[in-house]
Amino acid sequence: MGCNLPDGGVEAEFEGFTEALDVMEAWCRQGPRLALVSSVEATRETGAPKHSGFTVSG
């Protein structure tokens, strides 16, 4: 789950195994080609999944 913020930032939420989350966090720190990533704040939580299934909107 993610969204663009009014200040130009991006907020995203990921769920998965630790190894997959590590890969996603590393990608977020680099960003896509031509992106300028100035900082990343990551918070890890434990517990039951909040979402099920997979959706793409746009």
N, C-alpha and C. Protein backbone atom coordinates (compact mmCIF):
# COMPACT_ATOMS: atom_id res chain seq x y z
N MET A 1 0.85 -1.16 0.00
CA MET A 1 0.00 0.00 0.00
C MET A 1 0.90 1.23 0.00
N GLY A 2 0.59 2.22 -0.78
CA GLY A 2 1.42 3.40 -0.82
C GLY A 2 0.67 4.60 -1.36
N CYS A 3 1.23 5.78 -1.14
CA CYS A 3 0.62 6.99 -1.67
C CYS A 3 1.65 8.11 -1.75
N ASN A 4 1.39 9.03 -2.66
CA ASN A 4 2.21 10.23 -2.77
C ASN A 4 1.71 11.24 -1.75
N LEU A 5 2.63 11.93 -1.11
CA LEU A 5 2.27 12.92 -0.09
C LEU A 5 2.36 14.33 -0.67
N PRO A 6 1.62 15.28 -0.10
CA PRO A 6 1.62 16.65 -0.62
C PRO A 6 3.01 17.30 -0.65
N ASP A 7 3.90 16.86 0.23
CA ASP A 7 5.24 17.47 0.27
C ASP A 7 6.20 16.85 -0.73
N GLY A 8 5.70 15.94 -1.59
CA GLY A 8 6.55 15.29 -2.58
C GLY A 8 7.09 13.95 -2.13
N GLY A 9 6.85 13.61 -0.88
CA GLY A 9 7.31 12.33 -0.36
C GLY A 9 6.38 11.20 -0.78
N VAL A 10 6.78 10.01 -0.45
CA VAL A 10 6.00 8.82 -0.76
C VAL A 10 5.90 7.99 0.51
N GLU A 11 4.71 7.49 0.78
CA GLU A 11 4.50 6.61 1.93
C GLU A 11 4.12 5.23 1.40
N ALA A 12 4.75 4.19 1.93
CA ALA A 12 4.47 2.84 1.47
C ALA A 12 4.42 1.89 2.65
N GLU A 13 3.63 0.85 2.51
CA GLU A 13 3.53 -0.19 3.54
C GLU A 13 3.71 -1.54 2.87
N PHE A 14 4.63 -2.35 3.41
CA PHE A 14 4.92 -3.66 2.85
C PHE A 14 4.74 -4.71 3.93
N GLU A 15 4.32 -5.88 3.52
CA GLU A 15 4.23 -7.03 4.41
C GLU A 15 4.96 -8.19 3.77
N GLY A 16 5.61 -9.01 4.58
CA GLY A 16 6.26 -10.19 4.02
C GLY A 16 7.33 -10.72 4.95
N PHE A 17 8.09 -11.66 4.41
CA PHE A 17 9.19 -12.25 5.17
C PHE A 17 10.32 -11.24 5.32
N THR A 18 11.08 -11.36 6.39
CA THR A 18 12.15 -10.43 6.70
C THR A 18 13.09 -10.21 5.53
N GLU A 19 13.48 -11.29 4.86
CA GLU A 19 14.42 -11.17 3.74
C GLU A 19 13.84 -10.32 2.61
N ALA A 20 12.56 -10.51 2.31
CA ALA A 20 11.90 -9.74 1.25
C ALA A 20 11.77 -8.28 1.66
N LEU A 21 11.48 -8.04 2.93
CA LEU A 21 11.37 -6.66 3.41
C LEU A 21 12.72 -5.96 3.36
N ASP A 22 13.80 -6.69 3.64
CA ASP A 22 15.15 -6.12 3.54
C ASP A 22 15.44 -5.68 2.11
N VAL A 23 15.05 -6.50 1.13
CA VAL A 23 15.26 -6.17 -0.27
C VAL A 23 14.45 -4.93 -0.66
N MET A 24 13.19 -4.88 -0.23
CA MET A 24 12.34 -3.73 -0.55
C MET A 24 12.88 -2.45 0.08
N GLU A 25 13.34 -2.54 1.31
CA GLU A 25 13.89 -1.36 1.98
C GLU A 25 15.14 -0.87 1.25
N ALA A 26 16.00 -1.79 0.84
CA ALA A 26 17.20 -1.40 0.09
C ALA A 26 16.82 -0.73 -1.23
N TRP A 27 15.81 -1.25 -1.92
CA TRP A 27 15.36 -0.66 -3.17
C TRP A 27 14.81 0.75 -2.92
N CYS A 28 14.05 0.92 -1.84
CA CYS A 28 13.50 2.24 -1.53
C CYS A 28 14.61 3.25 -1.26
N ARG A 29 15.68 2.81 -0.66
CA ARG A 29 16.80 3.72 -0.38
C ARG A 29 17.50 4.15 -1.67
N GLN A 30 17.44 3.33 -2.71
CA GLN A 30 18.03 3.67 -4.00
C GLN A 30 17.00 4.36 -4.89
N GLY A 31 15.79 3.83 -4.93
CA GLY A 31 14.74 4.37 -5.77
C GLY A 31 14.87 3.95 -7.21
N PRO A 32 13.87 4.26 -8.02
CA PRO A 32 13.94 3.93 -9.44
C PRO A 32 14.95 4.84 -10.16
N ARG A 33 15.27 4.46 -11.37
CA ARG A 33 16.19 5.27 -12.17
C ARG A 33 15.68 6.71 -12.24
N LEU A 34 16.55 7.66 -12.14
CA LEU A 34 16.28 9.10 -12.17
C LEU A 34 15.64 9.64 -10.89
N ALA A 35 15.45 8.79 -9.89
CA ALA A 35 14.87 9.26 -8.63
C ALA A 35 15.96 9.90 -7.77
N LEU A 36 15.56 10.83 -6.93
CA LEU A 36 16.44 11.43 -5.94
C LEU A 36 15.86 11.10 -4.57
N VAL A 37 16.47 10.15 -3.89
CA VAL A 37 16.01 9.73 -2.56
C VAL A 37 16.87 10.44 -1.54
N SER A 38 16.26 11.30 -0.73
CA SER A 38 17.03 12.04 0.27
C SER A 38 17.03 11.34 1.62
N SER A 39 15.99 10.58 1.92
CA SER A 39 15.95 9.84 3.18
C SER A 39 14.86 8.78 3.13
N VAL A 40 15.01 7.79 3.99
CA VAL A 40 14.01 6.73 4.14
C VAL A 40 13.84 6.47 5.63
N GLU A 41 12.60 6.47 6.08
CA GLU A 41 12.30 6.09 7.46
C GLU A 41 11.60 4.74 7.40
N ALA A 42 12.12 3.76 8.11
CA ALA A 42 11.53 2.43 8.10
C ALA A 42 11.18 2.01 9.53
N THR A 43 10.00 1.46 9.67
CA THR A 43 9.54 0.93 10.95
C THR A 43 9.10 -0.50 10.73
N ARG A 44 9.60 -1.42 11.51
CA ARG A 44 9.22 -2.82 11.41
C ARG A 44 8.25 -3.16 12.54
N GLU A 45 7.16 -3.82 12.19
CA GLU A 45 6.19 -4.26 13.17
C GLU A 45 6.01 -5.77 13.04
N THR A 46 5.58 -6.39 14.11
CA THR A 46 5.29 -7.82 14.07
C THR A 46 3.81 -8.02 14.34
N GLY A 47 3.32 -9.18 13.99
CA GLY A 47 1.92 -9.49 14.25
C GLY A 47 1.26 -10.07 13.02
N ALA A 48 -0.03 -10.22 13.11
CA ALA A 48 -0.80 -10.79 12.01
C ALA A 48 -0.80 -9.84 10.82
N PRO A 49 -0.84 -10.38 9.60
CA PRO A 49 -0.90 -9.52 8.39
C PRO A 49 -2.13 -8.62 8.44
N LYS A 50 -1.96 -7.41 7.93
CA LYS A 50 -3.07 -6.45 7.88
C LYS A 50 -3.86 -6.57 6.58
N HIS A 51 -3.21 -7.11 5.55
CA HIS A 51 -3.83 -7.17 4.23
C HIS A 51 -3.75 -8.60 3.70
N SER A 52 -4.63 -8.91 2.77
CA SER A 52 -4.56 -10.21 2.09
C SER A 52 -4.76 -9.96 0.60
N GLY A 53 -4.18 -10.79 -0.20
CA GLY A 53 -4.31 -10.64 -1.65
C GLY A 53 -3.33 -9.63 -2.20
N PHE A 54 -3.51 -9.26 -3.44
CA PHE A 54 -2.61 -8.37 -4.13
C PHE A 54 -3.42 -7.50 -5.06
N THR A 55 -3.25 -6.20 -5.00
CA THR A 55 -3.96 -5.30 -5.90
C THR A 55 -3.00 -4.26 -6.43
N VAL A 56 -3.28 -3.82 -7.64
CA VAL A 56 -2.53 -2.71 -8.24
C VAL A 56 -3.57 -1.70 -8.70
N SER A 57 -3.40 -0.47 -8.28
CA SER A 57 -4.33 0.57 -8.72
C SER A 57 -3.54 1.70 -9.34
N GLY A 58 -4.18 2.45 -10.16
CA GLY A 58 -3.44 3.54 -10.76
C GLY A 58 -4.16 4.22 -11.83
